Protein backbone atom coordinates (compact mmCIF):
# COMPACT_ATOMS: atom_id res chain seq x y z
CA UNK A 1 69.77 -27.24 -1.76
CA UNK A 2 67.42 -24.99 -3.68
CA UNK A 3 67.10 -21.54 -2.12
CA UNK A 4 63.37 -21.47 -2.90
CA UNK A 5 62.80 -24.52 -0.68
CA UNK A 6 61.87 -23.78 2.92
CA UNK A 7 63.51 -25.39 5.92
CA UNK A 8 60.67 -27.89 6.28
CA UNK A 9 61.21 -29.08 2.71
CA UNK A 10 57.86 -27.72 1.41
CA UNK A 11 58.17 -25.31 -1.50
CA UNK A 12 56.46 -21.94 -0.98
CA UNK A 13 53.03 -21.36 -2.49
CA UNK A 14 53.00 -19.42 -5.74
CA UNK A 15 52.24 -15.76 -5.24
CA UNK A 16 50.67 -13.32 -7.65
CA UNK A 17 52.36 -10.09 -8.46
CA UNK A 18 51.01 -6.70 -7.54
CA UNK A 19 50.29 -5.85 -11.17
CA UNK A 20 48.11 -8.95 -11.58
CA UNK A 21 46.13 -8.09 -8.45
CA UNK A 22 45.55 -4.56 -9.66
CA UNK A 23 44.43 -5.77 -13.08
CA UNK A 24 41.97 -8.29 -11.62
CA UNK A 25 40.54 -5.75 -9.17
CA UNK A 26 40.20 -3.11 -11.87
CA UNK A 27 38.45 -5.55 -14.20
CA UNK A 28 35.91 -6.75 -11.62
CA UNK A 29 35.36 -3.77 -9.36
CA UNK A 30 33.12 -1.61 -11.64
CA UNK A 31 30.64 -4.39 -12.33
CA UNK A 32 30.69 -5.55 -8.73
CA UNK A 33 30.18 -2.00 -7.49
CA UNK A 34 27.20 -1.48 -9.79
CA UNK A 35 25.67 -4.81 -8.77
CA UNK A 36 26.14 -4.03 -5.09
CA UNK A 37 24.60 -0.59 -5.55
CA UNK A 38 21.59 -1.97 -7.41
CA UNK A 39 21.14 -4.70 -4.80
CA UNK A 40 21.35 -2.20 -1.93
CA UNK A 41 18.88 0.19 -3.56
CA UNK A 42 16.48 -2.67 -4.33
CA UNK A 43 16.63 -3.96 -0.77
CA UNK A 44 16.08 -0.47 0.64
CA UNK A 45 13.13 0.14 -1.66
CA UNK A 46 11.56 -3.22 -0.81
CA UNK A 47 12.05 -2.54 2.90
CA UNK A 48 10.25 0.80 2.64
CA UNK A 49 7.43 -0.75 0.62
CA UNK A 50 7.01 -3.55 3.14
CA UNK A 51 6.64 -1.00 5.93
CA UNK A 52 3.74 0.67 4.08
CA UNK A 53 1.70 -2.54 3.64
CA UNK A 54 -0.46 -2.24 6.80
CA UNK A 55 -1.10 1.50 6.30
CA UNK A 56 -3.80 1.17 3.64
CA UNK A 57 -5.46 4.57 4.18
CA UNK A 58 -2.22 6.54 4.16
CA UNK A 59 -1.01 4.70 1.06
CA UNK A 60 -4.12 5.67 -0.89
CA UNK A 61 -3.89 9.26 0.34
CA UNK A 62 -0.36 9.39 -1.08
CA UNK A 63 -1.66 7.86 -4.30
CA UNK A 64 -4.36 10.53 -4.53
CA UNK A 65 -1.73 13.23 -4.03
CA UNK A 66 0.41 11.79 -6.84
CA UNK A 67 -2.59 11.70 -9.17
CA UNK A 68 -3.51 15.30 -8.32
CA UNK A 69 0.07 16.47 -8.92
CA UNK A 70 0.05 14.85 -12.34
CA UNK A 71 -3.27 16.40 -13.37
CA UNK A 72 -2.20 19.81 -12.09
CA UNK A 73 0.93 19.51 -14.22
CA UNK A 74 -1.09 18.53 -17.31
CA UNK A 75 -3.59 21.33 -16.67
CA UNK A 76 -0.95 24.06 -16.50
CA UNK A 77 1.12 22.87 -19.47
CA UNK A 78 -2.08 22.24 -21.49
CA UNK A 79 -0.71 19.21 -23.29
CA UNK A 80 0.46 15.60 -23.05
CA UNK A 81 -3.11 14.35 -23.41
CA UNK A 82 -1.95 11.22 -25.23
CA UNK A 83 0.05 10.25 -22.13
CA UNK A 84 -3.03 10.75 -19.98
CA UNK A 85 -5.04 8.58 -22.35
CA UNK A 86 -2.40 5.83 -22.20
CA UNK A 87 -2.43 5.98 -18.39
CA UNK A 88 -6.22 5.74 -18.46
CA UNK A 89 -6.12 2.58 -20.60
CA UNK A 90 -3.50 1.10 -18.28
CA UNK A 91 -5.63 1.93 -15.23
CA UNK A 92 -8.62 0.27 -16.85
CA UNK A 93 -6.65 -2.95 -17.22
CA UNK A 94 -5.56 -2.69 -13.59
CA UNK A 95 -9.15 -2.23 -12.43
CA UNK A 96 -10.30 -5.31 -14.35
CA UNK A 97 -7.49 -7.39 -12.84
CA UNK A 98 -8.30 -5.99 -9.39
CA UNK A 99 -11.98 -6.95 -9.67
CA UNK A 100 -11.34 -10.39 -11.22
CA UNK A 101 -10.77 -13.57 -9.19
CA UNK A 102 -7.40 -15.26 -9.30
CA UNK A 103 -8.94 -18.48 -10.59
CA UNK A 104 -11.12 -18.29 -13.67
CA UNK A 105 -14.67 -19.40 -12.72
CA UNK A 106 -15.14 -21.04 -16.12
CA UNK A 107 -12.06 -23.18 -15.58
CA UNK A 108 -13.19 -23.94 -12.02
CA UNK A 109 -16.49 -25.31 -13.33
CA UNK A 110 -14.66 -27.86 -15.48
CA UNK A 111 -12.33 -28.92 -12.65
CA UNK A 112 -15.08 -29.12 -10.03
CA UNK A 113 -14.06 -26.14 -7.92
CA UNK A 114 -16.51 -23.24 -7.67
CA UNK A 115 -17.05 -20.22 -5.55
CA UNK A 116 -19.42 -20.71 -2.59
CA UNK A 117 -22.95 -19.83 -3.67
CA UNK A 118 -25.05 -21.53 -0.98
CA UNK A 119 -25.13 -21.30 2.78
CA UNK A 120 -24.03 -24.89 3.08
CA UNK A 121 -20.87 -24.23 1.06
CA UNK A 122 -17.56 -23.72 2.80
CA UNK A 123 -16.48 -20.09 3.05
CA UNK A 124 -13.52 -19.21 0.85
CA UNK A 125 -12.33 -15.61 0.70
CA UNK A 126 -12.17 -13.81 -2.61
CA UNK A 127 -8.61 -13.88 -3.95
CA UNK A 128 -7.92 -11.18 -6.51
CA UNK A 129 -5.92 -11.63 -9.65
CA UNK A 130 -4.19 -8.35 -8.81
CA UNK A 131 -3.70 -7.80 -5.04
CA UNK A 132 -4.54 -4.46 -3.50
CA UNK A 133 -0.92 -3.57 -2.76
CA UNK A 134 0.25 -4.27 -6.32
CA UNK A 135 -2.78 -2.36 -7.60
CA UNK A 136 -1.76 0.67 -5.54
CA UNK A 137 1.90 0.38 -6.49
CA UNK A 138 1.12 0.10 -10.20
CA UNK A 139 -0.98 3.28 -10.07
CA UNK A 140 1.83 5.15 -8.31
CA UNK A 141 4.38 4.00 -10.88
CA UNK A 142 2.12 4.83 -13.82
CA UNK A 143 1.49 8.41 -12.76
CA UNK A 144 5.10 8.94 -11.69
CA UNK A 145 6.40 7.82 -15.08
CA UNK A 146 3.74 9.91 -16.79
CA UNK A 147 4.74 12.95 -14.73
CA UNK A 148 8.39 12.53 -15.75
CA UNK A 149 7.40 12.19 -19.41
CA UNK A 150 5.66 15.58 -19.32
CA UNK A 151 9.08 17.23 -19.18
CA UNK A 152 9.95 15.99 -22.68
CA UNK A 153 8.33 17.77 -25.60
CA UNK A 154 8.64 14.72 -27.83
CA UNK A 155 5.74 13.10 -25.95
CA UNK A 156 3.46 16.10 -26.42
CA UNK A 157 1.54 14.82 -29.43
CA UNK A 158 -1.16 17.28 -30.54
CA UNK A 159 -4.56 15.63 -30.23
CA UNK A 160 -8.15 16.72 -29.67
CA UNK A 161 -8.53 15.65 -26.05
CA UNK A 162 -12.40 15.55 -25.91
CA UNK A 163 -12.32 12.71 -28.45
CA UNK A 164 -9.86 10.76 -26.31
CA UNK A 165 -11.99 11.37 -23.24
CA UNK A 166 -15.10 10.18 -25.07
CA UNK A 167 -13.32 7.02 -26.25
CA UNK A 168 -12.08 6.26 -22.74
CA UNK A 169 -15.51 6.79 -21.13
CA UNK A 170 -17.15 4.49 -23.68
CA UNK A 171 -14.45 1.86 -23.23
CA UNK A 172 -14.78 2.09 -19.45
CA UNK A 173 -18.56 1.72 -19.65
CA UNK A 174 -18.45 -1.31 -21.95
CA UNK A 175 -15.66 -3.02 -19.99
CA UNK A 176 -17.30 -2.51 -16.62
CA UNK A 177 -20.65 -3.73 -17.93
CA UNK A 178 -18.97 -6.92 -19.13
CA UNK A 179 -17.23 -7.31 -15.78
CA UNK A 180 -20.48 -6.83 -13.84
CA UNK A 181 -22.21 -9.41 -16.03
CA UNK A 182 -19.36 -11.80 -15.31
CA UNK A 183 -19.76 -11.19 -11.56
CA UNK A 184 -23.51 -11.81 -11.73
CA UNK A 185 -23.10 -14.94 -13.83
CA UNK A 186 -20.62 -16.61 -11.49
CA UNK A 187 -21.97 -15.03 -8.29
CA UNK A 188 -18.89 -13.51 -6.74
CA UNK A 189 -18.29 -10.17 -5.08
CA UNK A 190 -14.79 -8.65 -5.28
CA UNK A 191 -15.21 -6.83 -1.97
CA UNK A 192 -15.44 -8.44 1.44
CA UNK A 193 -16.51 -6.60 4.55
CA UNK A 194 -15.24 -8.80 7.33
CA UNK A 195 -15.25 -12.57 7.46
CA UNK A 196 -18.52 -14.17 6.48
CA UNK A 197 -19.76 -17.46 7.84
CA UNK A 198 -21.77 -19.86 5.76
CA UNK A 199 -24.01 -22.51 7.21
CA UNK A 200 -26.86 -22.57 9.64
CA UNK A 201 -26.33 -21.46 13.16
CA UNK A 202 -26.39 -24.21 15.69
CA UNK A 203 -29.61 -24.31 17.63
CA UNK A 204 -29.35 -23.78 21.41
CA UNK A 205 -29.25 -27.05 23.31
CA UNK A 206 -32.09 -27.73 25.70
CA UNK A 207 -31.28 -28.70 29.25
CA UNK A 208 -32.11 -32.30 30.10
CA UNK A 209 -34.88 -32.78 32.60
């Protein structure tokens, strides 16, 4: 009788050696550890962001503080104006997306769906292309990245900042004029103050004699 055979007649299951276990753990543990760390940090960050969603006022106060810190940094170092200009162009794109509806009105006209323009139309709230929370978060990230870039001299490109400011003001004026014309043409307002009700109010019923 073979010595490797158990009393019940079933051969024992093959076992791996200690060296093989160590090699497999060493080969997989660094990548697994990094993935677990990234996943944990991402979950923690998302949890903190979710907790700030209902606190709109406090979120924008924090955003204002971040913006002020960045401009104070740029003012004292007297440089990095090209980074500020790039952030300004990025903010302009964010503003346009924030003021634009999620569905293109021109495409809605071809498909039959339009924004309510008469009192008899059904009320549909304005849905932004860029939600308010993502708009706020994008501004925070832009100025945070810009603030970190001010610590590297390679990004301090010498430019005449009044020219950049003039270009940005002109671009902002032309872009906002086009956006306002688009709003007037398709009759939508990107801001809602409470829920509006369309339709005539029901007349009071008279008591039967």
